[in-house]
C-alpha atoms as a PDB file:
ATOM      1  CA  MET A   1     -19.132 -10.221  -2.092  1.00  0.00           C
ATOM      2  CA  ASN A   2     -15.480 -10.366  -1.021  1.00  0.00           C
ATOM      3  CA  LEU A   3     -14.003  -9.279   2.318  1.00  0.00           C
ATOM      4  CA  CYS A   4     -10.456  -7.906   1.934  1.00  0.00           C
ATOM      5  CA  ILE A   5      -8.169  -7.246   4.908  1.00  0.00           C
ATOM      6  CA  ASP A   6      -4.932  -5.303   4.727  1.00  0.00           C
ATOM      7  CA  ILE A   7      -2.925  -5.214   7.959  1.00  0.00           C
ATOM      8  CA  GLY A   8      -0.130  -2.667   8.066  1.00  0.00           C
ATOM      9  CA  ASN A   9       2.265  -1.636  10.820  1.00  0.00           C
ATOM     10  CA  SER A  10      -0.260   0.673  12.465  1.00  0.00           C
ATOM     11  CA  PHE A  11      -3.789  -0.003  11.166  1.00  0.00           C
ATOM     12  CA  ILE A  12      -6.060  -2.782   9.951  1.00  0.00           C
ATOM     13  CA  LYS A  13      -7.973  -1.792   6.803  1.00  0.00           C
ATOM     14  CA  ILE A  14     -11.060  -3.703   5.790  1.00  0.00           C
ATOM     15  CA  ALA A  15     -13.043  -3.361   2.561  1.00  0.00           C
ATOM     16  CA  ILE A  16     -16.017  -5.253   1.167  1.00  0.00           C
ATOM     17  CA  PHE A  17     -16.266  -5.512  -2.601  1.00  0.00           C
ATOM     18  CA  ASP A  18     -19.270  -6.308  -4.766  1.00  0.00           C
ATOM     19  CA  ARG A  19     -17.418  -7.290  -7.943  1.00  0.00           C
ATOM     20  CA  ASP A  20     -15.062  -4.301  -8.371  1.00  0.00           C
ATOM     21  CA  GLU A  21     -17.107  -1.774  -6.362  1.00  0.00           C
ATOM     22  CA  ILE A  22     -16.163  -0.936  -2.798  1.00  0.00           C
ATOM     23  CA  LYS A  23     -19.322  -1.160  -0.705  1.00  0.00           C
ATOM     24  CA  TYR A  24     -17.675  -0.637   2.662  1.00  0.00           C
ATOM     25  CA  PHE A  25     -14.314   0.555   3.968  1.00  0.00           C
ATOM     26  CA  LYS A  26     -12.938   1.290   7.401  1.00  0.00           C
ATOM     27  CA  SER A  27      -9.473   1.556   8.916  1.00  0.00           C
ATOM     28  CA  LYS A  28      -8.799   1.193  12.640  1.00  0.00           C
ATOM     29  CA  LYS A  29      -6.237  -0.286  15.010  1.00  0.00           C
ATOM     30  CA  ASP A  30      -8.223  -3.327  16.116  1.00  0.00           C
ATOM     31  CA  TRP A  31     -11.206  -5.382  14.951  1.00  0.00           C
ATOM     32  CA  LEU A  32     -13.292  -7.850  16.948  1.00  0.00           C
ATOM     33  CA  VAL A  33     -15.209 -10.927  15.854  1.00  0.00           C
ATOM     34  CA  GLY A  34     -18.410  -9.073  16.717  1.00  0.00           C
ATOM     35  CA  ASP A  35     -17.497  -6.296  14.300  1.00  0.00           C
ATOM     36  CA  LEU A  36     -17.211  -8.778  11.420  1.00  0.00           C
ATOM     37  CA  LYS A  37     -20.439 -10.547  12.369  1.00  0.00           C
ATOM     38  CA  LYS A  38     -22.265  -7.214  12.213  1.00  0.00           C
ATOM     39  CA  LEU A  39     -20.677  -6.503   8.846  1.00  0.00           C
ATOM     40  CA  HIS A  40     -21.804  -9.858   7.468  1.00  0.00           C
ATOM     41  CA  LYS A  41     -25.417  -9.149   8.406  1.00  0.00           C
ATOM     42  CA  LYS A  42     -25.331  -6.072   6.167  1.00  0.00           C
ATOM     43  CA  TYR A  43     -22.929  -7.334   3.494  1.00  0.00           C
ATOM     44  CA  ALA A  44     -23.207 -11.059   2.836  1.00  0.00           C
ATOM     45  CA  TYR A  45     -19.591 -11.731   1.916  1.00  0.00           C
ATOM     46  CA  THR A  46     -18.648 -15.308   1.119  1.00  0.00           C
ATOM     47  CA  HIS A  47     -14.913 -15.106   0.413  1.00  0.00           C
ATOM     48  CA  CYS A  48     -12.155 -13.490   2.470  1.00  0.00           C
ATOM     49  CA  ILE A  49      -8.480 -12.685   2.007  1.00  0.00           C
ATOM     50  CA  ILE A  50      -5.874 -11.269   4.349  1.00  0.00           C
ATOM     51  CA  SER A  51      -2.553  -9.542   3.756  1.00  0.00           C
ATOM     52  CA  THR A  52      -0.450  -8.704   6.773  1.00  0.00           C
ATOM     53  CA  VAL A  53       3.015  -7.357   7.463  1.00  0.00           C
ATOM     54  CA  ARG A  54       2.827  -8.633  11.043  1.00  0.00           C
ATOM     55  CA  ASN A  55       4.107 -11.982  12.314  1.00  0.00           C
ATOM     56  CA  LYS A  56       0.782 -13.199  13.730  1.00  0.00           C
ATOM     57  CA  LEU A  57      -2.683 -13.402  12.235  1.00  0.00           C
ATOM     58  CA  PRO A  58      -5.357 -11.468  14.167  1.00  0.00           C
ATOM     59  CA  ARG A  59      -7.672 -13.367  16.491  1.00  0.00           C
ATOM     60  CA  PHE A  60     -10.730 -12.738  14.315  1.00  0.00           C
ATOM     61  CA  TRP A  61      -9.186 -14.650  11.405  1.00  0.00           C
ATOM     62  CA  ALA A  62     -10.022 -18.032  13.008  1.00  0.00           C
ATOM     63  CA  HIS A  63     -13.705 -17.062  12.972  1.00  0.00           C
ATOM     64  CA  LEU A  64     -13.564 -16.104   9.292  1.00  0.00           C
ATOM     65  CA  ASP A  65     -11.620 -19.219   8.354  1.00  0.00           C
ATOM     66  CA  ARG A  66     -14.246 -21.450   9.998  1.00  0.00           C
ATOM     67  CA  ASN A  67     -17.202 -19.837   8.309  1.00  0.00           C
ATOM     68  CA  PHE A  68     -16.098 -18.671   4.858  1.00  0.00           C
ATOM     69  CA  THR A  69     -13.771 -19.496   2.011  1.00  0.00           C
ATOM     70  CA  CYS A  70     -10.552 -17.778   3.064  1.00  0.00           C
ATOM     71  CA  TYR A  71      -7.146 -17.095   1.579  1.00  0.00           C
ATOM     72  CA  ILE A  72      -3.912 -15.880   3.107  1.00  0.00           C
ATOM     73  CA  LEU A  73      -1.656 -13.894   0.794  1.00  0.00           C
ATOM     74  CA  ASP A  74       1.803 -15.421   1.028  1.00  0.00           C
ATOM     75  CA  HIS A  75       4.438 -16.696  -1.388  1.00  0.00           C
ATOM     76  CA  THR A  76       2.494 -19.947  -1.971  1.00  0.00           C
ATOM     77  CA  LEU A  77      -0.765 -18.357  -3.162  1.00  0.00           C
ATOM     78  CA  PRO A  78      -1.178 -18.538  -6.971  1.00  0.00           C
ATOM     79  CA  LEU A  79      -0.878 -15.081  -8.544  1.00  0.00           C
ATOM     80  CA  PRO A  80      -2.361 -13.620 -11.746  1.00  0.00           C
ATOM     81  CA  VAL A  81       1.033 -11.991 -12.471  1.00  0.00           C
ATOM     82  CA  GLU A  82       4.573 -13.282 -12.904  1.00  0.00           C
ATOM     83  CA  ASN A  83       6.765 -12.546  -9.905  1.00  0.00           C
ATOM     84  CA  ARG A  84      10.453 -12.066 -10.730  1.00  0.00           C
ATOM     85  CA  TYR A  85      11.486 -11.015  -7.227  1.00  0.00           C
ATOM     86  CA  GLY A  86      14.568 -12.995  -6.281  1.00  0.00           C
ATOM     87  CA  THR A  87      13.261 -13.813  -2.788  1.00  0.00           C
ATOM     88  CA  PRO A  88       9.439 -14.111  -3.176  1.00  0.00           C
ATOM     89  CA  LYS A  89       9.072 -15.376   0.405  1.00  0.00           C
ATOM     90  CA  THR A  90      10.350 -12.042   1.726  1.00  0.00           C
ATOM     91  CA  LEU A  91       8.375  -9.798  -0.641  1.00  0.00           C
ATOM     92  CA  GLY A  92       5.958  -7.615   1.298  1.00  0.00           C
ATOM     93  CA  LYS A  93       2.383  -8.799   0.839  1.00  0.00           C
ATOM     94  CA  ASP A  94       1.132  -5.244   0.465  1.00  0.00           C
ATOM     95  CA  ARG A  95       3.688  -4.629  -2.281  1.00  0.00           C
ATOM     96  CA  ILE A  96       2.579  -7.505  -4.508  1.00  0.00           C
ATOM     97  CA  ALA A  97      -1.124  -6.810  -3.790  1.00  0.00           C
ATOM     98  CA  ALA A  98      -0.710  -3.163  -4.847  1.00  0.00           C
ATOM     99  CA  ALA A  99       1.132  -4.232  -8.001  1.00  0.00           C
ATOM    100  CA  ILE A 100      -1.712  -6.617  -8.858  1.00  0.00           C
ATOM    101  CA  GLY A 101      -4.217  -3.831  -8.240  1.00  0.00           C
ATOM    102  CA  ALA A 102      -2.304  -1.557 -10.615  1.00  0.00           C
ATOM    103  CA  TYR A 103      -2.074  -4.277 -13.278  1.00  0.00           C
ATOM    104  CA  TYR A 104      -5.869  -4.664 -13.318  1.00  0.00           C
ATOM    105  CA  MET A 105      -6.721  -0.996 -12.939  1.00  0.00           C
ATOM    106  CA  TYR A 106      -4.371   0.165 -15.699  1.00  0.00           C
ATOM    107  CA  LYS A 107      -4.341  -2.662 -18.225  1.00  0.00           C
ATOM    108  CA  LYS A 108      -1.602  -2.781 -20.865  1.00  0.00           C
ATOM    109  CA  LYS A 109       0.366  -0.083 -19.043  1.00  0.00           C
ATOM    110  CA  ASN A 110       3.720  -0.134 -17.290  1.00  0.00           C
ATOM    111  CA  ASN A 111       3.032   0.930 -13.698  1.00  0.00           C
ATOM    112  CA  ILE A 112       5.179   2.317 -10.927  1.00  0.00           C
ATOM    113  CA  VAL A 113       3.362   1.799  -7.630  1.00  0.00           C
ATOM    114  CA  ILE A 114       4.481   4.020  -4.744  1.00  0.00           C
ATOM    115  CA  ASP A 115       3.022   3.074  -1.375  1.00  0.00           C
ATOM    116  CA  ILE A 116       3.702   5.734   1.241  1.00  0.00           C
ATOM    117  CA  GLY A 117       3.128   4.664   4.822  1.00  0.00           C
ATOM    118  CA  THR A 118       5.499   3.926   7.685  1.00  0.00           C
ATOM    119  CA  CYS A 119       7.933   2.897   4.967  1.00  0.00           C
ATOM    120  CA  MET A 120       7.785   3.940   1.330  1.00  0.00           C
ATOM    121  CA  THR A 121       7.915   1.233  -1.332  1.00  0.00           C
ATOM    122  CA  LEU A 122       8.411   1.838  -5.033  1.00  0.00           C
ATOM    123  CA  ASP A 123       7.571  -1.116  -7.269  1.00  0.00           C
ATOM    124  CA  LEU A 124       7.347  -1.746 -11.024  1.00  0.00           C
ATOM    125  CA  ILE A 125       4.926  -4.041 -12.811  1.00  0.00           C
ATOM    126  CA  ASP A 126       5.048  -4.006 -16.595  1.00  0.00           C
ATOM    127  CA  LYS A 127       2.234  -4.046 -19.158  1.00  0.00           C
ATOM    128  CA  ASN A 128       2.544  -7.829 -19.530  1.00  0.00           C
ATOM    129  CA  GLY A 129       1.832  -8.442 -15.843  1.00  0.00           C
ATOM    130  CA  VAL A 130       5.454  -9.076 -14.821  1.00  0.00           C
ATOM    131  CA  TYR A 131       6.446  -7.806 -11.404  1.00  0.00           C
ATOM    132  CA  LEU A 132      10.054  -6.639 -11.803  1.00  0.00           C
ATOM    133  CA  GLY A 133      10.954  -5.551  -8.276  1.00  0.00           C
ATOM    134  CA  GLY A 134      11.302  -2.316  -6.370  1.00  0.00           C
ATOM    135  CA  ASN A 135      12.820  -0.357  -3.509  1.00  0.00           C
ATOM    136  CA  ILE A 136      12.085   0.338   0.159  1.00  0.00           C
ATOM    137  CA  SER A 137      12.942   3.521   2.041  1.00  0.00           C
ATOM    138  CA  PRO A 138      11.702   5.363   5.184  1.00  0.00           C
ATOM    139  CA  GLY A 139       8.357   7.115   4.979  1.00  0.00           C
ATOM    140  CA  VAL A 140       8.019  10.727   6.090  1.00  0.00           C
ATOM    141  CA  ARG A 141       6.920  10.001   9.664  1.00  0.00           C
ATOM    142  CA  LEU A 142       9.719   7.492  10.090  1.00  0.00           C
ATOM    143  CA  ARG A 143      12.227  10.121   8.919  1.00  0.00           C
ATOM    144  CA  LEU A 144      10.864  12.628  11.383  1.00  0.00           C
ATOM    145  CA  LYS A 145      10.997  10.141  14.278  1.00  0.00           C
ATOM    146  CA  ALA A 146      14.489   8.983  13.348  1.00  0.00           C
ATOM    147  CA  MET A 147      15.882  12.522  13.377  1.00  0.00           C
ATOM    148  CA  HIS A 148      14.465  13.103  16.840  1.00  0.00           C
ATOM    149  CA  HIS A 149      15.368   9.678  18.225  1.00  0.00           C
ATOM    150  CA  PHE A 150      18.948   9.432  16.989  1.00  0.00           C
ATOM    151  CA  THR A 151      20.056  12.973  17.835  1.00  0.00           C
ATOM    152  CA  HIS A 152      20.325  14.917  21.082  1.00  0.00           C
ATOM    153  CA  ALA A 153      19.229  18.313  19.851  1.00  0.00           C
ATOM    154  CA  LEU A 154      16.569  17.898  17.164  1.00  0.00           C
ATOM    155  CA  PRO A 155      12.961  18.167  18.412  1.00  0.00           C
ATOM    156  CA  SER A 156      10.000  15.946  17.646  1.00  0.00           C
ATOM    157  CA  VAL A 157       8.044  17.366  14.691  1.00  0.00           C
ATOM    158  CA  LYS A 158       4.663  16.488  13.232  1.00  0.00           C
ATOM    159  CA  ARG A 159       4.381  16.351   9.464  1.00  0.00           C
ATOM    160  CA  LYS A 160       2.972  19.475   7.784  1.00  0.00           C
ATOM    161  CA  ASN A 161       2.640  20.703   4.222  1.00  0.00           C
ATOM    162  CA  PRO A 162       5.647  23.032   3.714  1.00  0.00           C
ATOM    163  CA  THR A 163       4.744  26.587   2.776  1.00  0.00           C
ATOM    164  CA  LYS A 164       8.179  27.374   1.337  1.00  0.00           C
ATOM    165  CA  LEU A 165      11.201  25.523   0.069  1.00  0.00           C
ATOM    166  CA  LEU A 166      13.579  26.542   2.878  1.00  0.00           C
ATOM    167  CA  GLY A 167      12.757  26.280   6.543  1.00  0.00           C
ATOM    168  CA  LYS A 168      13.099  29.396   8.698  1.00  0.00           C
ATOM    169  CA  SER A 169      13.302  27.518  11.988  1.00  0.00           C
ATOM    170  CA  THR A 170      14.695  24.173  13.136  1.00  0.00           C
ATOM    171  CA  LYS A 171      11.244  22.609  13.187  1.00  0.00           C
ATOM    172  CA  GLU A 172      10.502  23.917   9.685  1.00  0.00           C
ATOM    173  CA  ALA A 173      13.883  22.676   8.479  1.00  0.00           C
ATOM    174  CA  ILE A 174      13.226  19.167   9.845  1.00  0.00           C
ATOM    175  CA  ASN A 175       9.742  19.052   8.381  1.00  0.00           C
ATOM    176  CA  ASN A 176      10.891  20.375   4.997  1.00  0.00           C
ATOM    177  CA  GLY A 177      13.825  17.969   4.908  1.00  0.00           C
ATOM    178  CA  ALA A 178      11.603  14.959   5.543  1.00  0.00           C
ATOM    179  CA  VAL A 179       8.719  16.009   3.280  1.00  0.00           C
ATOM    180  CA  PHE A 180      10.776  17.264   0.346  1.00  0.00           C
ATOM    181  CA  GLY A 181      13.167  14.340   0.810  1.00  0.00           C
ATOM    182  CA  VAL A 182      10.288  11.952   0.071  1.00  0.00           C
ATOM    183  CA  ALA A 183       8.868  14.086  -2.745  1.00  0.00           C
ATOM    184  CA  LEU A 184      12.219  14.534  -4.477  1.00  0.00           C
ATOM    185  CA  GLU A 185      13.005  10.846  -4.087  1.00  0.00           C
ATOM    186  CA  ILE A 186       9.741  10.015  -5.858  1.00  0.00           C
ATOM    187  CA  ASP A 187      10.332  12.505  -8.653  1.00  0.00           C
ATOM    188  CA  SER A 188      13.925  11.378  -9.203  1.00  0.00           C
ATOM    189  CA  PHE A 189      13.041   7.672  -9.204  1.00  0.00           C
ATOM    190  CA  VAL A 190      10.176   8.220 -11.633  1.00  0.00           C
ATOM    191  CA  SER A 191      12.377  10.328 -13.916  1.00  0.00           C
ATOM    192  CA  ARG A 192      15.073   7.667 -14.047  1.00  0.00           C
ATOM    193  CA  MET A 193      12.583   4.860 -14.691  1.00  0.00           C
ATOM    194  CA  LYS A 194      10.953   6.825 -17.502  1.00  0.00           C
ATOM    195  CA  ALA A 195      14.378   7.196 -19.114  1.00  0.00           C
ATOM    196  CA  GLU A 196      14.592   3.394 -19.245  1.00  0.00           C
ATOM    197  CA  MET A 197      10.965   2.497 -19.988  1.00  0.00           C
ATOM    198  CA  LYS A 198       8.434   4.566 -21.917  1.00  0.00           C
ATOM    199  CA  HIS A 199       4.713   4.988 -21.185  1.00  0.00           C
ATOM    200  CA  ILE A 200       4.779   4.500 -17.417  1.00  0.00           C
ATOM    201  CA  ASN A 201       1.881   5.271 -15.110  1.00  0.00           C
ATOM    202  CA  VAL A 202       2.723   6.464 -11.605  1.00  0.00           C
ATOM    203  CA  ILE A 203       0.270   5.516  -8.864  1.00  0.00           C
ATOM    204  CA  LEU A 204       0.482   6.720  -5.263  1.00  0.00           C
ATOM    205  CA  THR A 205      -1.224   4.715  -2.566  1.00  0.00           C
ATOM    206  CA  GLY A 206      -1.032   4.307   1.199  1.00  0.00           C
ATOM    207  CA  GLY A 207      -1.800   6.572   4.129  1.00  0.00           C
ATOM    208  CA  ASP A 208       0.208   9.555   2.872  1.00  0.00           C
ATOM    209  CA  ALA A 209      -0.687   9.226  -0.814  1.00  0.00           C
ATOM    210  CA  ALA A 210      -3.126  12.141  -0.956  1.00  0.00           C
ATOM    211  CA  PHE A 211      -0.715  14.381   0.955  1.00  0.00           C
ATOM    212  CA  PHE A 212       2.169  13.761  -1.458  1.00  0.00           C
ATOM    213  CA  GLY A 213      -0.116  13.783  -4.482  1.00  0.00           C
ATOM    214  CA  GLU A 214      -0.196  17.564  -4.099  1.00  0.00           C
ATOM    215  CA  ILE A 215       3.569  17.957  -3.697  1.00  0.00           C
ATOM    216  CA  VAL A 216       5.337  15.696  -6.195  1.00  0.00           C
ATOM    217  CA  LYS A 217       5.947  17.125  -9.661  1.00  0.00           C
ATOM    218  CA  SER A 218       5.508  13.883 -11.626  1.00  0.00           C
ATOM    219  CA  LYS A 219       2.191  13.207 -13.326  1.00  0.00           C
ATOM    220  CA  ILE A 220       0.492  10.727 -11.013  1.00  0.00           C
ATOM    221  CA  PHE A 221      -2.711   8.949 -10.072  1.00  0.00           C
ATOM    222  CA  VAL A 222      -3.715   8.687  -6.412  1.00  0.00           C
ATOM    223  CA  ASP A 223      -5.564   5.552  -5.297  1.00  0.00           C
ATOM    224  CA  SER A 224      -5.606   4.942  -1.546  1.00  0.00           C
ATOM    225  CA  PHE A 225      -7.365   1.572  -2.044  1.00  0.00           C
ATOM    226  CA  LEU A 226      -4.918  -0.025  -4.475  1.00  0.00           C
ATOM    227  CA  VAL A 227      -3.771  -2.795  -2.090  1.00  0.00           C
ATOM    228  CA  LEU A 228      -7.364  -3.699  -1.307  1.00  0.00           C
ATOM    229  CA  ARG A 229      -8.268  -3.696  -5.022  1.00  0.00           C
ATOM    230  CA  GLY A 230      -5.403  -6.102  -5.602  1.00  0.00           C
ATOM    231  CA  LEU A 231      -6.615  -8.378  -2.831  1.00  0.00           C
ATOM    232  CA  ASN A 232     -10.108  -8.377  -4.323  1.00  0.00           C
ATOM    233  CA  LYS A 233      -8.659  -9.422  -7.706  1.00  0.00           C
ATOM    234  CA  LEU A 234      -6.678 -12.155  -5.986  1.00  0.00           C
ATOM    235  CA  ILE A 235      -9.877 -13.655  -4.608  1.00  0.00           C
ATOM    236  CA  ASP A 236     -11.442 -13.583  -8.065  1.00  0.00           C
ATOM    237  CA  TYR A 237      -8.358 -15.262  -9.504  1.00  0.00           C
ATOM    238  CA  GLN A 238      -8.573 -18.093  -6.918  1.00  0.00           C
ATOM    239  CA  LYS A 239     -12.272 -18.596  -7.748  1.00  0.00           C
ATOM    240  CA  GLU A 240     -11.524 -18.857 -11.467  1.00  0.00           C
ATOM    241  CA  ASN A 241      -8.584 -21.212 -11.076  1.00  0.00           C
END
């Protein structure tokens, strides 16, 4: 069994895989060594991998590194795909992990991976396993916070599913602008990529994937565990090589 850890800006997501099947998943803000010891009693994982967007590794990582075969996803870790990003050291770990997950989940397909969290990333990996790059823009909650923070008059608004295209109040207008801004960005980007490359899958992942899966017009797949699936495949690749 493999223990996969994905640390984002807000939450730490942990999954345990038995081959390709997720046996356990939980997302929370903090994990303790005791939590992982309890997990190991139930799921006898032997290999671990961590992907983090933060500057420091969590305290529990030292415990895992002492007791199991562990990998840190960074620019030095061998990958099962070709990375053509011009600055691989600065490429977000979650971005390349999600691309690897898409490559294995949708073999022989060109895949656009859209990860919607605090920020939204749009990445392309082709059917030959070549990561070609992508874009980064604000996620919906970041847009809502920015409008409130950088203006004097606009209120703080929590994200909701718009009931109509045009807002009838300032709060509705802010919400609609942020939500439809993300949705239309996705649809436009996908449309332009499909004009350049045929037979492209579109996969939404991340905390807001299910929410936007019901709003965007493009034909999509929603897989909230894509980064973790990619991390699991990375462990398998290290074992085999």
